[in-house]
Amino acid sequence: MDVGDYRNLEHGVDEIFINRWSPRSMSGGLLDQETLMGLFEAARWAPSSSNNQPWRFLYARRETDRWPLFFDLLAEGNRIWAIRASVLVVIISKTTFDFNDKPSRTHSFDAGAAWENLALQGARKGLVVHAMQGFDYERAKKTLLIPDEYQVEAMVAIGRPGNKEDLPENLREREFPSGRKGLMDLIGEGLFPWPVDDGRL
């Protein structure tokens, strides 16, 4: 698939950003340990406030007995395609700083940076890496024994690319890289809302 058929750049960036997207079709093939650990290694080097590194990744491989614990957390609409994933991941973040136990306002922001590193590494390796919020957050916290000082952020399905024809028809129709809002819809120099035309800029 030529991602450029679906996405138009307004400014020059590295191709890794335009080529990363979130397909659902996976082959069911397994991931080797080195490839999987490489994804987490990329996440490990994300920036964070006070270098607190609040992200944690709980995971289950499809071939292990822990897979059902993770798979059963998914909403029915995600189970349909995630059954062919090799690995399911629950991303959590520590809500306090390690050095003083005070609340961290950026724990979710920082975990998001780690997730993006993981996603880009996955794209670089030609893998499907699809994040989702369609799962039971409360049950995840209870089932996976997540302590109170950690917040559940998202789940991720990781696997090897598959054939989109194996997806249900409604998902096949969505199996292409999504576009983005125009850049000027997302940025503003100065005050919000933009554009501001009151003579002060």
C-alpha atoms as a PDB file:
ATOM      1  CA  MET A   1       0.000   0.000   0.000  1.00  0.00           C
ATOM      2  CA  ASP A   2       1.304   3.430  -0.947  1.00  0.00           C
ATOM      3  CA  VAL A   3       0.637   5.595   2.099  1.00  0.00           C
ATOM      4  CA  GLY A   4       1.186   8.682  -0.045  1.00  0.00           C
ATOM      5  CA  ASP A   5      -2.089   7.949  -1.841  1.00  0.00           C
ATOM      6  CA  TYR A   6      -3.927   8.739   1.389  1.00  0.00           C
ATOM      7  CA  ARG A   7      -1.761  11.369   3.047  1.00  0.00           C
ATOM      8  CA  ASN A   8      -0.511  14.736   1.894  1.00  0.00           C
ATOM      9  CA  LEU A   9       2.370  16.514   3.561  1.00  0.00           C
ATOM     10  CA  GLU A  10       2.262  20.273   3.998  1.00  0.00           C
ATOM     11  CA  HIS A  11       5.921  20.430   5.087  1.00  0.00           C
ATOM     12  CA  GLY A  12       8.878  18.105   4.804  1.00  0.00           C
ATOM     13  CA  VAL A  13       9.328  15.543   7.575  1.00  0.00           C
ATOM     14  CA  ASP A  14      11.049  12.185   7.884  1.00  0.00           C
ATOM     15  CA  GLU A  15       9.124   9.441   6.100  1.00  0.00           C
ATOM     16  CA  ILE A  16       8.701   7.454   9.334  1.00  0.00           C
ATOM     17  CA  PHE A  17       6.023   9.903  10.473  1.00  0.00           C
ATOM     18  CA  ILE A  18       3.936   9.682   7.319  1.00  0.00           C
ATOM     19  CA  ASN A  19       4.342   5.909   6.962  1.00  0.00           C
ATOM     20  CA  ARG A  20       3.189   5.032  10.487  1.00  0.00           C
ATOM     21  CA  TRP A  21      -0.500   4.182  10.690  1.00  0.00           C
ATOM     22  CA  SER A  22      -2.770   1.815  12.606  1.00  0.00           C
ATOM     23  CA  PRO A  23      -4.019  -1.113  10.516  1.00  0.00           C
ATOM     24  CA  ARG A  24      -6.029  -3.940  12.043  1.00  0.00           C
ATOM     25  CA  SER A  25      -5.189  -6.808   9.709  1.00  0.00           C
ATOM     26  CA  MET A  26      -2.615  -9.136  11.242  1.00  0.00           C
ATOM     27  CA  SER A  27      -1.419 -12.566  10.184  1.00  0.00           C
ATOM     28  CA  GLY A  28      -1.356 -14.321  13.541  1.00  0.00           C
ATOM     29  CA  GLY A  29       2.397 -14.828  13.209  1.00  0.00           C
ATOM     30  CA  LEU A  30       4.394 -14.675  16.432  1.00  0.00           C
ATOM     31  CA  LEU A  31       7.047 -12.109  17.342  1.00  0.00           C
ATOM     32  CA  ASP A  32      10.491 -13.171  18.445  1.00  0.00           C
ATOM     33  CA  GLN A  33      11.830 -11.923  21.776  1.00  0.00           C
ATOM     34  CA  GLU A  34      14.435  -9.596  20.269  1.00  0.00           C
ATOM     35  CA  THR A  35      11.896  -7.785  18.083  1.00  0.00           C
ATOM     36  CA  LEU A  36       9.451  -7.350  20.948  1.00  0.00           C
ATOM     37  CA  MET A  37      12.102  -6.140  23.369  1.00  0.00           C
ATOM     38  CA  GLY A  38      13.294  -3.696  20.712  1.00  0.00           C
ATOM     39  CA  LEU A  39       9.894  -2.005  20.805  1.00  0.00           C
ATOM     40  CA  PHE A  40      10.060  -1.601  24.573  1.00  0.00           C
ATOM     41  CA  GLU A  41      13.664  -0.424  24.327  1.00  0.00           C
ATOM     42  CA  ALA A  42      12.589   2.367  21.986  1.00  0.00           C
ATOM     43  CA  ALA A  43       9.875   3.355  24.475  1.00  0.00           C
ATOM     44  CA  ARG A  44      12.432   3.365  27.295  1.00  0.00           C
ATOM     45  CA  TRP A  45      14.267   6.305  25.733  1.00  0.00           C
ATOM     46  CA  ALA A  46      11.315   8.678  25.649  1.00  0.00           C
ATOM     47  CA  PRO A  47      11.602  12.031  27.478  1.00  0.00           C
ATOM     48  CA  SER A  48       9.732  12.633  30.728  1.00  0.00           C
ATOM     49  CA  SER A  49       9.357  15.263  33.427  1.00  0.00           C
ATOM     50  CA  SER A  50      12.294  15.069  35.861  1.00  0.00           C
ATOM     51  CA  ASN A  51      13.300  11.899  33.990  1.00  0.00           C
ATOM     52  CA  ASN A  52      10.678  10.107  36.079  1.00  0.00           C
ATOM     53  CA  GLN A  53       9.878   7.597  33.318  1.00  0.00           C
ATOM     54  CA  PRO A  54       6.345   6.910  34.629  1.00  0.00           C
ATOM     55  CA  TRP A  55       5.310   4.502  31.842  1.00  0.00           C
ATOM     56  CA  ARG A  56       4.974   0.781  32.399  1.00  0.00           C
ATOM     57  CA  PHE A  57       4.070  -1.863  29.817  1.00  0.00           C
ATOM     58  CA  LEU A  58       2.270  -5.036  30.874  1.00  0.00           C
ATOM     59  CA  TYR A  59       2.072  -7.557  28.056  1.00  0.00           C
ATOM     60  CA  ALA A  60       0.890 -11.008  27.085  1.00  0.00           C
ATOM     61  CA  ARG A  61       1.941 -13.146  24.115  1.00  0.00           C
ATOM     62  CA  ARG A  62      -0.789 -15.010  22.282  1.00  0.00           C
ATOM     63  CA  GLU A  63       0.927 -18.356  22.821  1.00  0.00           C
ATOM     64  CA  THR A  64       0.995 -18.042  26.631  1.00  0.00           C
ATOM     65  CA  ASP A  65      -1.543 -18.738  29.357  1.00  0.00           C
ATOM     66  CA  ARG A  66      -1.701 -15.023  30.230  1.00  0.00           C
ATOM     67  CA  TRP A  67      -3.174 -14.113  26.852  1.00  0.00           C
ATOM     68  CA  PRO A  68      -6.817 -14.725  27.914  1.00  0.00           C
ATOM     69  CA  LEU A  69      -6.458 -12.278  30.821  1.00  0.00           C
ATOM     70  CA  PHE A  70      -5.588  -9.506  28.380  1.00  0.00           C
ATOM     71  CA  PHE A  71      -7.793 -10.570  25.492  1.00  0.00           C
ATOM     72  CA  ASP A  72     -10.883 -10.727  27.700  1.00  0.00           C
ATOM     73  CA  LEU A  73     -10.411  -7.066  28.591  1.00  0.00           C
ATOM     74  CA  LEU A  74     -11.092  -5.994  25.004  1.00  0.00           C
ATOM     75  CA  ALA A  75     -14.406  -4.660  23.755  1.00  0.00           C
ATOM     76  CA  GLU A  76     -16.138  -7.054  21.363  1.00  0.00           C
ATOM     77  CA  GLY A  77     -15.421  -4.835  18.367  1.00  0.00           C
ATOM     78  CA  ASN A  78     -11.690  -5.072  19.013  1.00  0.00           C
ATOM     79  CA  ARG A  79     -11.670  -8.795  19.755  1.00  0.00           C
ATOM     80  CA  ILE A  80     -12.750  -9.489  16.180  1.00  0.00           C
ATOM     81  CA  TRP A  81      -9.418  -8.364  14.737  1.00  0.00           C
ATOM     82  CA  ALA A  82      -7.055  -8.427  17.754  1.00  0.00           C
ATOM     83  CA  ILE A  83      -7.406 -12.212  17.966  1.00  0.00           C
ATOM     84  CA  ARG A  84      -4.669 -12.338  15.294  1.00  0.00           C
ATOM     85  CA  ALA A  85      -2.263 -10.140  17.254  1.00  0.00           C
ATOM     86  CA  SER A  86       0.953 -11.637  18.554  1.00  0.00           C
ATOM     87  CA  VAL A  87       1.107  -9.472  21.677  1.00  0.00           C
ATOM     88  CA  LEU A  88      -1.362  -7.405  23.683  1.00  0.00           C
ATOM     89  CA  VAL A  89      -0.010  -4.581  25.829  1.00  0.00           C
ATOM     90  CA  VAL A  90      -1.606  -2.524  28.595  1.00  0.00           C
ATOM     91  CA  ILE A  91       0.081   0.850  29.056  1.00  0.00           C
ATOM     92  CA  ILE A  92      -0.055   2.346  32.538  1.00  0.00           C
ATOM     93  CA  SER A  93       1.607   5.374  34.087  1.00  0.00           C
ATOM     94  CA  LYS A  94       2.739   6.186  37.609  1.00  0.00           C
ATOM     95  CA  THR A  95       0.864   9.255  38.834  1.00  0.00           C
ATOM     96  CA  THR A  96       3.536  10.383  41.314  1.00  0.00           C
ATOM     97  CA  PHE A  97       7.217  11.241  41.136  1.00  0.00           C
ATOM     98  CA  ASP A  98       9.626   8.615  42.437  1.00  0.00           C
ATOM     99  CA  PHE A  99      11.857  11.094  44.241  1.00  0.00           C
ATOM    100  CA  ASN A 100       9.228  12.858  46.383  1.00  0.00           C
ATOM    101  CA  ASP A 101       5.900  10.972  45.927  1.00  0.00           C
ATOM    102  CA  LYS A 102       4.199  14.197  44.822  1.00  0.00           C
ATOM    103  CA  PRO A 103       1.623  14.125  41.996  1.00  0.00           C
ATOM    104  CA  SER A 104       2.972  14.303  38.475  1.00  0.00           C
ATOM    105  CA  ARG A 105       0.772  16.362  36.172  1.00  0.00           C
ATOM    106  CA  THR A 106       2.473  15.033  33.057  1.00  0.00           C
ATOM    107  CA  HIS A 107       2.456  11.277  33.732  1.00  0.00           C
ATOM    108  CA  SER A 108      -0.032  10.615  30.918  1.00  0.00           C
ATOM    109  CA  PHE A 109       1.768  13.021  28.587  1.00  0.00           C
ATOM    110  CA  ASP A 110       5.060  11.285  29.286  1.00  0.00           C
ATOM    111  CA  ALA A 111       3.558   7.822  28.784  1.00  0.00           C
ATOM    112  CA  GLY A 112       2.218   9.066  25.461  1.00  0.00           C
ATOM    113  CA  ALA A 113       5.749   9.956  24.397  1.00  0.00           C
ATOM    114  CA  ALA A 114       6.905   6.438  25.255  1.00  0.00           C
ATOM    115  CA  TRP A 115       3.990   4.953  23.319  1.00  0.00           C
ATOM    116  CA  GLU A 116       4.929   6.993  20.250  1.00  0.00           C
ATOM    117  CA  ASN A 117       8.505   5.723  20.411  1.00  0.00           C
ATOM    118  CA  LEU A 118       7.183   2.167  20.523  1.00  0.00           C
ATOM    119  CA  ALA A 119       4.814   2.814  17.630  1.00  0.00           C
ATOM    120  CA  LEU A 120       7.523   4.349  15.444  1.00  0.00           C
ATOM    121  CA  GLN A 121       9.910   1.486  16.158  1.00  0.00           C
ATOM    122  CA  GLY A 122       7.150  -0.924  15.209  1.00  0.00           C
ATOM    123  CA  ALA A 123       6.548   0.929  11.960  1.00  0.00           C
ATOM    124  CA  ARG A 124      10.275   0.864  11.233  1.00  0.00           C
ATOM    125  CA  LYS A 125      10.211  -2.925  11.666  1.00  0.00           C
ATOM    126  CA  GLY A 126       7.168  -3.333   9.429  1.00  0.00           C
ATOM    127  CA  LEU A 127       4.834  -4.402  12.224  1.00  0.00           C
ATOM    128  CA  VAL A 128       1.216  -3.605  12.976  1.00  0.00           C
ATOM    129  CA  VAL A 129       1.028  -1.533  16.160  1.00  0.00           C
ATOM    130  CA  HIS A 130      -2.518  -0.448  16.968  1.00  0.00           C
ATOM    131  CA  ALA A 131      -3.443   1.441  20.144  1.00  0.00           C
ATOM    132  CA  MET A 132      -7.013   1.482  21.454  1.00  0.00           C
ATOM    133  CA  GLN A 133      -9.263   2.631  24.246  1.00  0.00           C
ATOM    134  CA  GLY A 134     -11.904  -0.012  23.548  1.00  0.00           C
ATOM    135  CA  PHE A 135     -11.379  -2.178  26.638  1.00  0.00           C
ATOM    136  CA  ASP A 136     -12.452  -2.349  30.273  1.00  0.00           C
ATOM    137  CA  TYR A 137     -10.174   0.020  32.179  1.00  0.00           C
ATOM    138  CA  GLU A 138     -11.485  -0.854  35.617  1.00  0.00           C
ATOM    139  CA  ARG A 139     -11.275  -4.576  35.056  1.00  0.00           C
ATOM    140  CA  ALA A 140      -7.760  -4.177  33.668  1.00  0.00           C
ATOM    141  CA  LYS A 141      -6.681  -2.507  36.885  1.00  0.00           C
ATOM    142  CA  LYS A 142      -8.210  -5.255  39.008  1.00  0.00           C
ATOM    143  CA  THR A 143      -7.320  -8.265  36.870  1.00  0.00           C
ATOM    144  CA  LEU A 144      -3.709  -7.221  36.295  1.00  0.00           C
ATOM    145  CA  LEU A 145      -3.185  -6.212  39.954  1.00  0.00           C
ATOM    146  CA  ILE A 146      -2.246  -2.633  39.061  1.00  0.00           C
ATOM    147  CA  PRO A 147      -1.534  -0.537  42.201  1.00  0.00           C
ATOM    148  CA  ASP A 148      -3.587   2.565  43.000  1.00  0.00           C
ATOM    149  CA  GLU A 149      -0.727   4.930  42.179  1.00  0.00           C
ATOM    150  CA  TYR A 150      -0.802   3.818  38.546  1.00  0.00           C
ATOM    151  CA  GLN A 151      -3.320   4.923  35.935  1.00  0.00           C
ATOM    152  CA  VAL A 152      -4.415   2.713  33.048  1.00  0.00           C
ATOM    153  CA  GLU A 153      -3.837   4.602  29.798  1.00  0.00           C
ATOM    154  CA  ALA A 154      -4.456   2.373  26.764  1.00  0.00           C
ATOM    155  CA  MET A 155      -4.117  -1.054  25.215  1.00  0.00           C
ATOM    156  CA  VAL A 156      -2.029  -1.927  22.170  1.00  0.00           C
ATOM    157  CA  ALA A 157      -2.204  -4.852  19.769  1.00  0.00           C
ATOM    158  CA  ILE A 158       1.070  -5.775  18.050  1.00  0.00           C
ATOM    159  CA  GLY A 159       1.532  -8.276  15.268  1.00  0.00           C
ATOM    160  CA  ARG A 160       2.770  -9.058  11.810  1.00  0.00           C
ATOM    161  CA  PRO A 161       0.859  -7.617   8.835  1.00  0.00           C
ATOM    162  CA  GLY A 162      -1.948  -9.736   7.479  1.00  0.00           C
ATOM    163  CA  ASN A 163      -4.479  -9.721   4.678  1.00  0.00           C
ATOM    164  CA  LYS A 164      -7.224  -7.129   5.015  1.00  0.00           C
ATOM    165  CA  GLU A 165      -9.587  -9.564   3.289  1.00  0.00           C
ATOM    166  CA  ASP A 166      -9.561 -11.585   6.512  1.00  0.00           C
ATOM    167  CA  LEU A 167     -11.290  -8.706   8.299  1.00  0.00           C
ATOM    168  CA  PRO A 168     -15.072  -8.271   8.461  1.00  0.00           C
ATOM    169  CA  GLU A 169     -16.391  -6.106   5.630  1.00  0.00           C
ATOM    170  CA  ASN A 170     -17.008  -3.061   7.821  1.00  0.00           C
ATOM    171  CA  LEU A 171     -13.351  -3.114   8.943  1.00  0.00           C
ATOM    172  CA  ARG A 172     -11.979  -3.783   5.466  1.00  0.00           C
ATOM    173  CA  GLU A 173     -13.553  -0.514   4.383  1.00  0.00           C
ATOM    174  CA  ARG A 174     -11.546   1.316   7.072  1.00  0.00           C
ATOM    175  CA  GLU A 175      -8.218  -0.422   6.423  1.00  0.00           C
ATOM    176  CA  PHE A 176      -6.257   2.487   4.984  1.00  0.00           C
ATOM    177  CA  PRO A 177      -4.058   5.266   6.431  1.00  0.00           C
ATOM    178  CA  SER A 178      -6.160   8.108   7.781  1.00  0.00           C
ATOM    179  CA  GLY A 179      -5.552  11.723   6.852  1.00  0.00           C
ATOM    180  CA  ARG A 180      -4.974  14.597   9.227  1.00  0.00           C
ATOM    181  CA  LYS A 181      -6.455  18.017   9.897  1.00  0.00           C
ATOM    182  CA  GLY A 182      -4.694  20.881   8.180  1.00  0.00           C
ATOM    183  CA  LEU A 183      -1.677  22.201  10.063  1.00  0.00           C
ATOM    184  CA  MET A 184      -3.227  25.631  10.556  1.00  0.00           C
ATOM    185  CA  ASP A 185      -6.193  23.969  12.263  1.00  0.00           C
ATOM    186  CA  LEU A 186      -3.828  22.679  14.940  1.00  0.00           C
ATOM    187  CA  ILE A 187      -1.399  25.492  15.704  1.00  0.00           C
ATOM    188  CA  GLY A 188      -1.651  29.144  16.655  1.00  0.00           C
ATOM    189  CA  GLU A 189       0.955  31.785  17.330  1.00  0.00           C
ATOM    190  CA  GLY A 190      -0.226  33.581  20.419  1.00  0.00           C
ATOM    191  CA  LEU A 191      -3.649  33.498  22.023  1.00  0.00           C
ATOM    192  CA  PHE A 192      -6.456  30.972  21.792  1.00  0.00           C
ATOM    193  CA  PRO A 193      -8.674  30.854  19.801  1.00  0.00           C
ATOM    194  CA  TRP A 194      -6.920  31.619  16.550  1.00  0.00           C
ATOM    195  CA  PRO A 195      -6.587  33.483  14.350  1.00  0.00           C
ATOM    196  CA  VAL A 196      -6.685  36.432  16.717  1.00  0.00           C
ATOM    197  CA  ASP A 197      -7.244  39.746  14.938  1.00  0.00           C
ATOM    198  CA  ASP A 198      -7.592  42.348  17.648  1.00  0.00           C
ATOM    199  CA  GLY A 199      -4.595  44.524  16.844  1.00  0.00           C
ATOM    200  CA  ARG A 200      -2.394  43.038  19.561  1.00  0.00           C
ATOM    201  CA  LEU A 201      -0.460  40.636  17.303  1.00  0.00           C
END
